[in-house]
Amino acid sequence: MITCYVQYELNPSKIPEFEEYARAWIPLVKKFGGSHHGYYLPHESPNDLAVCLFSFPSLAEYEAYRIKSLTDSDCQKAFKFAEDTNCIRRYDRHFLRPLE
């Protein structure tokens, strides 16, 4: 199993838009065989930081999801929404494995 940890730098004035974007991705990850562990938004922390975690059975399955997301209409709609609203300033992906 591989878990993707994504750290976002948000536009603090666009948190509601980011929430809409995040809600769109949870079922999309599941649609492509992943397990979504949720998005975590600013609370008692910097107002421009959010993270999400989701897992796939393998890195190969994650890579297949990424390729399929490029042509999936629902994924493209979510990408465009983030771009149009400018709710995300930048993001970094990290891949983690569980300790067994």
N, C-alpha and C. Protein backbone atom coordinates (compact mmCIF):
# COMPACT_ATOMS: atom_id res chain seq x y z
N MET A 1 0.85 -1.17 0.00
CA MET A 1 0.00 0.00 0.00
C MET A 1 0.90 1.24 0.00
N ILE A 2 0.43 2.28 -0.70
CA ILE A 2 1.12 3.56 -0.72
C ILE A 2 0.11 4.65 -0.37
N THR A 3 0.52 5.56 0.51
CA THR A 3 -0.36 6.66 0.90
C THR A 3 0.23 7.96 0.37
N CYS A 4 -0.62 8.72 -0.26
CA CYS A 4 -0.23 10.02 -0.77
C CYS A 4 -0.65 11.08 0.25
N TYR A 5 0.32 11.86 0.69
CA TYR A 5 0.09 12.97 1.62
C TYR A 5 0.28 14.23 0.79
N VAL A 6 -0.77 15.02 0.68
CA VAL A 6 -0.70 16.26 -0.10
C VAL A 6 -0.83 17.44 0.86
N GLN A 7 0.13 18.33 0.79
CA GLN A 7 0.10 19.55 1.59
C GLN A 7 -0.20 20.71 0.65
N TYR A 8 -1.24 21.46 0.98
CA TYR A 8 -1.69 22.58 0.16
C TYR A 8 -1.37 23.91 0.82
N GLU A 9 -0.95 24.86 0.02
CA GLU A 9 -0.93 26.26 0.43
C GLU A 9 -2.15 26.89 -0.22
N LEU A 10 -3.07 27.33 0.61
CA LEU A 10 -4.36 27.84 0.13
C LEU A 10 -4.36 29.36 0.04
N ASN A 11 -5.29 29.85 -0.74
CA ASN A 11 -5.64 31.26 -0.72
C ASN A 11 -6.60 31.41 0.46
N PRO A 12 -6.20 32.09 1.55
CA PRO A 12 -7.05 32.14 2.75
C PRO A 12 -8.44 32.72 2.51
N SER A 13 -8.58 33.53 1.50
CA SER A 13 -9.91 34.11 1.23
C SER A 13 -10.78 33.17 0.40
N LYS A 14 -10.25 32.00 0.05
CA LYS A 14 -10.98 31.05 -0.80
C LYS A 14 -11.15 29.69 -0.14
N ILE A 15 -11.22 29.66 1.19
CA ILE A 15 -11.40 28.38 1.90
C ILE A 15 -12.70 27.68 1.50
N PRO A 16 -13.84 28.40 1.39
CA PRO A 16 -15.07 27.71 0.97
C PRO A 16 -14.93 27.07 -0.42
N GLU A 17 -14.21 27.72 -1.31
CA GLU A 17 -14.00 27.14 -2.64
C GLU A 17 -13.12 25.90 -2.54
N PHE A 18 -12.09 25.96 -1.70
CA PHE A 18 -11.25 24.77 -1.52
C PHE A 18 -12.06 23.62 -0.94
N GLU A 19 -12.96 23.91 0.00
CA GLU A 19 -13.81 22.86 0.56
C GLU A 19 -14.64 22.19 -0.52
N GLU A 20 -15.17 22.97 -1.44
CA GLU A 20 -15.95 22.41 -2.56
C GLU A 20 -15.06 21.52 -3.43
N TYR A 21 -13.87 22.01 -3.73
CA TYR A 21 -12.89 21.24 -4.51
C TYR A 21 -12.58 19.91 -3.80
N ALA A 22 -12.30 19.98 -2.51
CA ALA A 22 -11.95 18.78 -1.74
C ALA A 22 -13.10 17.77 -1.72
N ARG A 23 -14.31 18.26 -1.53
CA ARG A 23 -15.47 17.35 -1.52
C ARG A 23 -15.63 16.63 -2.85
N ALA A 24 -15.24 17.27 -3.94
CA ALA A 24 -15.33 16.64 -5.26
C ALA A 24 -14.33 15.49 -5.39
N TRP A 25 -13.15 15.62 -4.79
CA TRP A 25 -12.10 14.61 -4.99
C TRP A 25 -12.29 13.35 -4.16
N ILE A 26 -12.95 13.43 -3.05
CA ILE A 26 -13.09 12.22 -2.21
C ILE A 26 -13.75 11.07 -2.99
N PRO A 27 -14.90 11.29 -3.64
CA PRO A 27 -15.46 10.17 -4.41
C PRO A 27 -14.66 9.84 -5.67
N LEU A 28 -13.93 10.80 -6.20
CA LEU A 28 -13.14 10.51 -7.41
C LEU A 28 -11.99 9.56 -7.11
N VAL A 29 -11.33 9.74 -5.98
CA VAL A 29 -10.27 8.80 -5.60
C VAL A 29 -10.87 7.41 -5.42
N LYS A 30 -12.02 7.34 -4.78
CA LYS A 30 -12.69 6.04 -4.58
C LYS A 30 -13.10 5.42 -5.91
N LYS A 31 -13.55 6.25 -6.84
CA LYS A 31 -13.96 5.78 -8.18
C LYS A 31 -12.83 5.03 -8.88
N PHE A 32 -11.60 5.45 -8.63
CA PHE A 32 -10.45 4.85 -9.29
C PHE A 32 -9.73 3.82 -8.42
N GLY A 33 -10.38 3.35 -7.36
CA GLY A 33 -9.83 2.25 -6.57
C GLY A 33 -9.02 2.63 -5.36
N GLY A 34 -9.01 3.92 -5.02
CA GLY A 34 -8.26 4.35 -3.84
C GLY A 34 -9.14 4.44 -2.61
N SER A 35 -8.49 4.64 -1.49
CA SER A 35 -9.18 4.89 -0.22
C SER A 35 -8.83 6.30 0.22
N HIS A 36 -9.84 7.13 0.38
CA HIS A 36 -9.58 8.52 0.80
C HIS A 36 -9.70 8.60 2.31
N HIS A 37 -8.71 9.22 2.95
CA HIS A 37 -8.68 9.34 4.40
C HIS A 37 -9.10 10.73 4.88
N GLY A 38 -9.40 11.61 3.95
CA GLY A 38 -9.94 12.91 4.31
C GLY A 38 -9.03 14.08 4.02
N TYR A 39 -9.65 15.24 4.07
CA TYR A 39 -8.97 16.53 3.98
C TYR A 39 -8.98 17.15 5.36
N TYR A 40 -7.94 17.86 5.69
CA TYR A 40 -7.80 18.51 6.98
C TYR A 40 -7.50 19.98 6.72
N LEU A 41 -8.40 20.83 7.21
CA LEU A 41 -8.38 22.26 6.90
C LEU A 41 -7.87 23.08 8.06
N PRO A 42 -7.49 24.33 7.81
CA PRO A 42 -6.97 25.18 8.89
C PRO A 42 -7.96 25.30 10.04
N HIS A 43 -7.41 25.22 11.23
CA HIS A 43 -8.21 25.44 12.44
C HIS A 43 -7.38 26.29 13.39
N GLU A 44 -6.66 25.68 14.28
CA GLU A 44 -5.73 26.42 15.13
C GLU A 44 -4.33 26.24 14.54
N SER A 45 -4.16 26.80 13.36
CA SER A 45 -2.91 26.65 12.62
C SER A 45 -2.84 27.79 11.59
N PRO A 46 -1.80 27.81 10.77
CA PRO A 46 -1.77 28.82 9.73
C PRO A 46 -3.04 28.75 8.88
N ASN A 47 -3.55 29.90 8.48
CA ASN A 47 -4.83 29.94 7.76
C ASN A 47 -4.71 29.57 6.28
N ASP A 48 -3.52 29.20 5.84
CA ASP A 48 -3.35 28.84 4.43
C ASP A 48 -2.83 27.42 4.24
N LEU A 49 -2.98 26.59 5.26
CA LEU A 49 -2.46 25.22 5.21
C LEU A 49 -3.60 24.20 5.27
N ALA A 50 -3.58 23.25 4.36
CA ALA A 50 -4.50 22.11 4.40
C ALA A 50 -3.71 20.88 3.94
N VAL A 51 -4.18 19.72 4.36
CA VAL A 51 -3.57 18.47 3.92
C VAL A 51 -4.66 17.46 3.59
N CYS A 52 -4.29 16.49 2.78
CA CYS A 52 -5.18 15.34 2.56
C CYS A 52 -4.33 14.10 2.46
N LEU A 53 -4.97 12.97 2.74
CA LEU A 53 -4.31 11.68 2.65
C LEU A 53 -5.24 10.71 1.93
N PHE A 54 -4.67 9.97 1.01
CA PHE A 54 -5.41 8.90 0.35
C PHE A 54 -4.43 7.80 -0.04
N SER A 55 -4.94 6.59 -0.16
CA SER A 55 -4.08 5.43 -0.41
C SER A 55 -4.55 4.65 -1.62
N PHE A 56 -3.57 3.98 -2.23
CA PHE A 56 -3.83 3.01 -3.29
C PHE A 56 -3.06 1.74 -2.93
N PRO A 57 -3.50 0.60 -3.43
CA PRO A 57 -2.82 -0.65 -3.09
C PRO A 57 -1.33 -0.67 -3.49
N SER A 58 -0.97 0.11 -4.53
CA SER A 58 0.43 0.15 -4.97
C SER A 58 0.70 1.47 -5.68
N LEU A 59 1.97 1.77 -5.85
CA LEU A 59 2.34 2.98 -6.59
C LEU A 59 1.89 2.86 -8.05
N ALA A 60 1.93 1.67 -8.60
CA ALA A 60 1.47 1.47 -9.98
C ALA A 60 -0.01 1.80 -10.12
N GLU A 61 -0.82 1.42 -9.13
CA GLU A 61 -2.25 1.74 -9.18
C GLU A 61 -2.49 3.24 -9.00
N TYR A 62 -1.67 3.88 -8.18
CA TYR A 62 -1.76 5.34 -8.06
C TYR A 62 -1.44 5.99 -9.40
N GLU A 63 -0.38 5.54 -10.04
CA GLU A 63 0.02 6.11 -11.33
C GLU A 63 -1.06 5.89 -12.39
N ALA A 64 -1.73 4.74 -12.36
CA ALA A 64 -2.84 4.49 -13.29
C ALA A 64 -3.98 5.47 -13.03
N TYR A 65 -4.28 5.72 -11.76
CA TYR A 65 -5.30 6.72 -11.39
C TYR A 65 -4.94 8.09 -11.94
N ARG A 66 -3.67 8.49 -11.78
CA ARG A 66 -3.25 9.81 -12.28
C ARG A 66 -3.44 9.91 -13.79
N ILE A 67 -3.10 8.87 -14.52
CA ILE A 67 -3.27 8.88 -15.98
C ILE A 67 -4.75 8.96 -16.34
N LYS A 68 -5.58 8.15 -15.69
CA LYS A 68 -7.02 8.15 -15.98
C LYS A 68 -7.66 9.48 -15.61
N SER A 69 -7.15 10.15 -14.56
CA SER A 69 -7.73 11.43 -14.14
C SER A 69 -7.57 12.51 -15.20
N LEU A 70 -6.58 12.35 -16.07
CA LEU A 70 -6.34 13.35 -17.10
C LEU A 70 -7.41 13.38 -18.18
N THR A 71 -8.15 12.29 -18.30
CA THR A 71 -9.20 12.23 -19.33
C THR A 71 -10.60 12.06 -18.75
N ASP A 72 -10.70 11.91 -17.45
CA ASP A 72 -12.00 11.76 -16.81
C ASP A 72 -12.69 13.12 -16.70
N SER A 73 -13.92 13.22 -17.14
CA SER A 73 -14.61 14.51 -17.17
C SER A 73 -14.84 15.09 -15.77
N ASP A 74 -15.14 14.25 -14.79
CA ASP A 74 -15.35 14.75 -13.43
C ASP A 74 -14.05 15.26 -12.82
N CYS A 75 -12.95 14.58 -13.08
CA CYS A 75 -11.65 15.05 -12.60
C CYS A 75 -11.28 16.36 -13.27
N GLN A 76 -11.50 16.43 -14.57
CA GLN A 76 -11.18 17.67 -15.29
C GLN A 76 -12.01 18.85 -14.77
N LYS A 77 -13.25 18.58 -14.43
CA LYS A 77 -14.12 19.61 -13.86
C LYS A 77 -13.55 20.11 -12.53
N ALA A 78 -13.07 19.20 -11.69
CA ALA A 78 -12.49 19.58 -10.41
C ALA A 78 -11.20 20.38 -10.60
N PHE A 79 -10.33 19.93 -11.51
CA PHE A 79 -9.11 20.67 -11.81
C PHE A 79 -9.43 22.09 -12.25
N LYS A 80 -10.40 22.21 -13.15
CA LYS A 80 -10.77 23.53 -13.69
C LYS A 80 -11.36 24.42 -12.60
N PHE A 81 -12.17 23.84 -11.72
CA PHE A 81 -12.75 24.62 -10.63
C PHE A 81 -11.64 25.24 -9.77
N ALA A 82 -10.63 24.45 -9.42
CA ALA A 82 -9.52 24.97 -8.61
C ALA A 82 -8.78 26.08 -9.35
N GLU A 83 -8.57 25.87 -10.63
CA GLU A 83 -7.89 26.88 -11.43
C GLU A 83 -8.72 28.17 -11.55
N ASP A 84 -10.00 28.02 -11.83
CA ASP A 84 -10.87 29.18 -12.00
C ASP A 84 -11.04 29.99 -10.71
N THR A 85 -11.09 29.31 -9.57
CA THR A 85 -11.31 30.00 -8.30
C THR A 85 -10.01 30.44 -7.64
N ASN A 86 -8.88 29.90 -8.11
CA ASN A 86 -7.58 30.24 -7.53
C ASN A 86 -7.55 29.96 -6.03
N CYS A 87 -8.17 28.85 -5.62
CA CYS A 87 -8.22 28.52 -4.19
C CYS A 87 -6.94 27.86 -3.70
N ILE A 88 -6.13 27.32 -4.62
CA ILE A 88 -4.88 26.66 -4.26
C ILE A 88 -3.72 27.46 -4.83
N ARG A 89 -2.81 27.85 -3.95
CA ARG A 89 -1.61 28.57 -4.40
C ARG A 89 -0.55 27.62 -4.88
N ARG A 90 -0.37 26.53 -4.12
CA ARG A 90 0.60 25.50 -4.50
C ARG A 90 0.32 24.25 -3.68
N TYR A 91 0.91 23.14 -4.10
CA TYR A 91 0.78 21.90 -3.32
C TYR A 91 2.00 21.04 -3.53
N ASP A 92 2.26 20.18 -2.57
CA ASP A 92 3.35 19.22 -2.62
C ASP A 92 2.80 17.85 -2.31
N ARG A 93 3.25 16.85 -3.07
CA ARG A 93 2.85 15.46 -2.84
C ARG A 93 4.00 14.70 -2.21
N HIS A 94 3.67 13.88 -1.25
CA HIS A 94 4.64 13.00 -0.62
C HIS A 94 4.04 11.60 -0.59
N PHE A 95 4.85 10.60 -0.81
CA PHE A 95 4.38 9.21 -0.81
C PHE A 95 4.97 8.50 0.40
N LEU A 96 4.06 7.88 1.16
CA LEU A 96 4.44 7.22 2.40
C LEU A 96 3.99 5.76 2.37
N ARG A 97 4.69 4.95 3.12
CA ARG A 97 4.30 3.54 3.26
C ARG A 97 4.04 3.26 4.73
N PRO A 98 3.10 2.39 5.01
CA PRO A 98 2.83 2.08 6.42
C PRO A 98 3.92 1.20 7.02
N LEU A 99 4.15 1.39 8.28
CA LEU A 99 5.06 0.53 9.03
C LEU A 99 4.27 -0.71 9.43
N GLU A 100 4.76 -1.84 9.04
CA GLU A 100 4.04 -3.09 9.35
C GLU A 100 4.86 -3.96 10.26
